[in-house]
Protein backbone atom coordinates (compact mmCIF):
# COMPACT_ATOMS: atom_id res chain seq x y z
CA MET A 1 -30.79 -27.96 -3.85
CA ARG A 2 -33.65 -25.60 -2.96
CA GLU A 3 -31.67 -24.42 0.09
CA TRP A 4 -28.77 -23.40 -2.12
CA TRP A 5 -31.02 -21.41 -4.45
CA LEU A 6 -32.26 -19.53 -1.40
CA ARG A 7 -28.71 -19.06 -0.14
CA THR A 8 -27.74 -17.59 -3.50
CA LEU A 9 -30.13 -14.72 -2.74
CA LEU A 10 -29.36 -14.68 0.98
CA VAL A 11 -25.66 -14.05 0.31
CA LEU A 12 -26.61 -10.47 -0.59
CA SER A 13 -28.10 -9.66 2.81
CA ALA A 14 -26.66 -12.21 5.27
CA PRO A 15 -23.51 -13.63 3.66
CA ARG A 16 -21.82 -15.23 6.65
CA PRO A 17 -24.21 -18.21 7.10
CA VAL A 18 -24.01 -18.92 3.36
CA PHE A 19 -20.24 -19.12 3.38
CA VAL A 20 -20.21 -21.10 6.63
CA ALA A 21 -22.45 -23.65 4.87
CA LEU A 22 -19.67 -24.09 2.29
CA ARG A 23 -17.64 -25.84 4.98
CA GLN A 24 -19.73 -28.90 4.11
CA ASP A 25 -17.72 -29.89 1.06
CA THR A 26 -18.89 -33.45 0.45
CA ASN A 27 -19.67 -34.55 -3.10
CA GLU A 28 -23.37 -34.60 -2.22
CA GLU A 29 -23.36 -31.00 -0.92
CA ALA A 30 -21.28 -29.79 -3.87
CA GLU A 31 -23.78 -31.39 -6.26
CA LYS A 32 -26.66 -29.58 -4.55
CA ARG A 33 -25.08 -26.19 -5.16
CA ALA A 34 -23.77 -26.93 -8.67
CA GLU A 35 -26.68 -25.33 -10.54
CA PRO A 36 -26.72 -22.05 -8.55
CA VAL A 37 -22.95 -21.83 -8.99
CA LEU A 38 -23.27 -22.35 -12.75
CA LEU A 39 -25.96 -19.68 -13.05
CA VAL A 40 -24.00 -17.12 -11.02
CA VAL A 41 -20.78 -17.78 -12.94
CA TRP A 42 -22.55 -17.45 -16.30
CA LEU A 43 -24.43 -14.26 -15.38
CA ALA A 44 -21.32 -12.69 -13.84
CA GLY A 45 -19.43 -13.51 -17.04
CA MET A 46 -22.15 -11.83 -19.09
CA ALA A 47 -21.96 -8.76 -16.85
CA PHE A 48 -18.21 -8.70 -17.41
CA VAL A 49 -18.30 -8.89 -21.21
CA LEU A 50 -21.07 -6.28 -21.39
CA ALA A 51 -18.88 -3.91 -19.37
CA THR A 52 -15.89 -4.21 -21.73
CA ARG A 53 -14.76 -1.66 -24.30
CA THR A 54 -15.66 -4.16 -27.02
CA THR A 55 -19.34 -3.78 -26.12
CA ALA A 56 -19.07 0.01 -26.25
CA HIS A 57 -18.37 -0.05 -30.01
CA LEU A 58 -19.92 -3.36 -31.02
CA MET A 59 -22.37 -1.71 -33.43
CA ASP A 60 -19.92 0.73 -34.99
CA GLY A 61 -19.50 0.43 -38.74
CA ALA A 62 -21.74 -0.47 -41.64
CA ASP A 63 -21.59 -4.22 -40.99
CA ALA A 64 -22.68 -3.90 -37.34
CA PRO A 65 -24.44 -6.95 -35.90
CA HIS A 66 -28.17 -7.00 -35.19
CA GLY A 67 -29.43 -6.75 -31.61
CA ILE A 68 -30.19 -10.49 -31.40
CA VAL A 69 -26.63 -11.26 -32.48
CA VAL A 70 -25.34 -9.02 -29.69
CA ALA A 71 -27.52 -10.88 -27.18
CA VAL A 72 -26.22 -14.27 -28.38
CA TRP A 73 -22.65 -12.96 -28.30
CA ALA A 74 -23.11 -11.72 -24.72
CA PHE A 75 -24.56 -15.07 -23.67
CA LEU A 76 -21.82 -17.20 -25.23
CA ALA A 77 -18.91 -14.91 -24.40
CA GLY A 78 -20.30 -14.50 -20.87
CA GLY A 79 -20.29 -18.25 -20.35
CA LEU A 80 -16.73 -18.50 -21.65
CA PHE A 81 -15.29 -15.63 -19.61
CA GLY A 82 -17.30 -16.58 -16.53
CA GLY A 83 -15.93 -20.10 -16.69
CA ILE A 84 -12.35 -18.90 -17.15
CA ALA A 85 -12.66 -16.49 -14.22
CA TYR A 86 -14.29 -19.16 -12.04
CA TRP A 87 -11.47 -21.67 -12.53
CA LEU A 88 -8.64 -19.13 -12.57
CA LEU A 89 -9.70 -16.97 -9.61
CA GLY A 90 -10.71 -20.07 -7.67
CA GLY A 91 -7.26 -21.53 -8.32
CA VAL A 92 -5.49 -18.37 -7.20
CA LEU A 93 -7.60 -18.19 -4.04
CA TYR A 94 -6.93 -21.86 -3.32
CA ARG A 95 -3.14 -21.53 -3.70
CA VAL A 96 -2.90 -18.40 -1.57
CA ALA A 97 -5.21 -19.85 1.10
CA VAL A 98 -3.16 -23.05 1.28
CA ALA A 99 -0.02 -20.94 1.70
CA LEU A 100 -1.76 -19.21 4.62
CA GLY A 101 -2.70 -22.51 6.28
CA SER A 102 -5.98 -23.54 4.65
CA GLN A 103 -6.86 -27.22 4.45
CA GLY A 104 -9.87 -26.62 2.21
CA SER A 105 -10.32 -27.99 -1.30
CA TYR A 106 -9.94 -26.31 -4.68
CA ARG A 107 -13.66 -26.93 -5.26
CA ARG A 108 -14.59 -25.05 -2.11
CA ALA A 109 -12.35 -22.14 -3.10
CA ARG A 110 -14.12 -21.97 -6.47
CA HIS A 111 -17.52 -22.01 -4.77
CA VAL A 112 -16.47 -19.17 -2.46
CA VAL A 113 -15.51 -17.16 -5.56
CA ALA A 114 -18.83 -18.01 -7.22
CA PHE A 115 -21.02 -16.92 -4.31
CA ALA A 116 -18.92 -13.77 -3.86
CA ALA A 117 -19.68 -12.97 -7.51
CA VAL A 118 -23.46 -12.76 -6.96
CA PRO A 119 -23.39 -8.90 -6.90
CA VAL A 120 -21.54 -8.90 -10.24
CA ALA A 121 -24.26 -11.14 -11.68
CA LEU A 122 -26.88 -8.85 -10.13
CA SER A 123 -25.33 -5.85 -11.89
CA LEU A 124 -27.10 -7.05 -15.05
CA VAL A 125 -30.18 -5.27 -13.64
CA LEU A 126 -28.54 -2.03 -14.82
CA TRP A 127 -28.91 -3.06 -18.45
CA PRO A 128 -32.68 -2.58 -18.82
CA PHE A 129 -32.18 0.98 -17.56
CA LYS A 130 -29.27 1.55 -19.96
CA LEU A 131 -31.25 0.28 -22.92
CA ALA A 132 -34.37 2.23 -21.92
CA LEU A 133 -32.39 5.46 -21.57
CA TYR A 134 -29.96 5.16 -24.47
CA GLY A 135 -31.15 2.37 -26.77
CA ASN A 136 -28.42 0.93 -28.98
CA ALA A 137 -26.22 4.00 -28.33
CA VAL A 138 -24.61 1.91 -25.56
CA PHE A 139 -23.09 -0.20 -28.35
CA HIS A 140 -21.61 2.81 -30.19
CA ARG A 141 -18.42 4.66 -29.28
CA GLY A 142 -19.23 8.19 -28.13
CA GLY A 143 -22.97 7.52 -28.01
CA ARG A 144 -25.55 9.34 -25.91
CA ASP A 145 -24.52 7.27 -22.88
CA ALA A 146 -21.12 9.02 -22.78
CA GLY A 147 -22.53 11.86 -20.65
CA GLY A 148 -23.45 12.25 -16.99
CA GLY A 149 -26.10 9.51 -16.94
CA GLY A 150 -23.65 7.01 -18.37
CA HIS A 151 -21.10 7.92 -15.71
CA VAL A 152 -23.69 7.34 -12.97
CA LEU A 153 -24.32 3.85 -14.33
CA GLU A 154 -20.57 3.21 -14.44
CA VAL A 155 -20.26 4.25 -10.78
CA LEU A 156 -23.08 1.85 -9.91
CA LEU A 157 -21.26 -0.94 -11.74
CA VAL A 158 -18.09 -0.21 -9.76
CA ALA A 159 -20.19 -0.38 -6.58
CA PHE A 160 -21.33 -3.90 -7.53
CA LEU A 161 -17.69 -4.91 -8.14
CA VAL A 162 -16.59 -3.53 -4.77
CA TRP A 163 -19.50 -5.36 -3.15
CA SER A 164 -18.26 -8.63 -4.66
CA ALA A 165 -14.71 -7.97 -3.48
CA TRP A 166 -16.02 -7.36 0.03
CA LEU A 167 -18.06 -10.59 -0.11
CA LEU A 168 -14.95 -12.51 -1.09
CA VAL A 169 -13.16 -11.32 2.05
CA VAL A 170 -16.24 -12.12 4.15
CA GLY A 171 -16.48 -15.53 2.51
CA VAL A 172 -12.86 -16.46 3.09
CA ARG A 173 -13.12 -15.36 6.71
CA ALA A 174 -16.36 -17.30 7.30
CA VAL A 175 -15.38 -20.51 5.58
CA HIS A 176 -11.99 -20.71 7.35
CA GLY A 177 -12.82 -18.98 10.63
CA TRP A 178 -9.88 -16.63 10.09
CA THR A 179 -9.21 -13.09 11.24
CA TRP A 180 -10.12 -10.17 8.96
CA ALA A 181 -6.46 -9.52 8.19
CA ARG A 182 -5.73 -13.12 7.21
CA ALA A 183 -8.90 -13.34 5.11
CA ALA A 184 -8.07 -10.08 3.34
CA ALA A 185 -4.57 -11.34 2.62
CA ALA A 186 -5.97 -14.51 1.04
CA ALA A 187 -8.58 -12.62 -0.98
CA ALA A 188 -6.21 -9.90 -2.17
CA ALA A 189 -4.62 -11.87 -5.02
CA PRO A 190 -7.87 -12.91 -6.75
CA ILE A 191 -9.30 -9.41 -6.22
CA VAL A 192 -6.25 -7.80 -7.84
CA LEU A 193 -6.36 -10.30 -10.72
CA ALA A 194 -10.09 -9.65 -11.26
CA ALA A 195 -9.44 -5.89 -11.19
CA ALA A 196 -6.72 -6.33 -13.81
CA PHE A 197 -9.22 -8.19 -16.04
CA VAL A 198 -11.73 -5.36 -15.66
CA LEU A 199 -9.19 -2.61 -16.38
CA ALA A 200 -7.71 -4.46 -19.32
């Protein structure tokens, strides 16, 4: 299990060996990486819900929730959306990969998606900076974060999303030993679906 916690960090700097290790898809190996996968999925889900338009006007109105309520909402909604994305995107990747000749399992496809999502989970590091710069204005429509500084943070968030998309292609290629073109073809559908979630 300790190896998989280390690999969760290593995927950011040397992703190929991490995804190659996913080829070992026994129940014992899957159990060892279950906790890192759960953490990444939950944190990535929190990053997603905090990036939505709902968050941008969560404290509008007289009956706006308190900061602690927002934190609880982000935690619970993050777990829900992270779980949905994990199962759905993993399923899409599995189906497309099978159509392209994969003999891997649905579980392994989900784990590839989870480890590719580490940069999305890491994007939560932007939030302390947002809160330090703008306070609760980030939860109000048209707040102080709507200017240039807010746009810089949005660009950084997009960079984390692109990083995850790239890791998904790398992961599919490494776990299957495919060409770049074949891996990109397999990863395209879940990437497009994830992008649609973000834009919606």
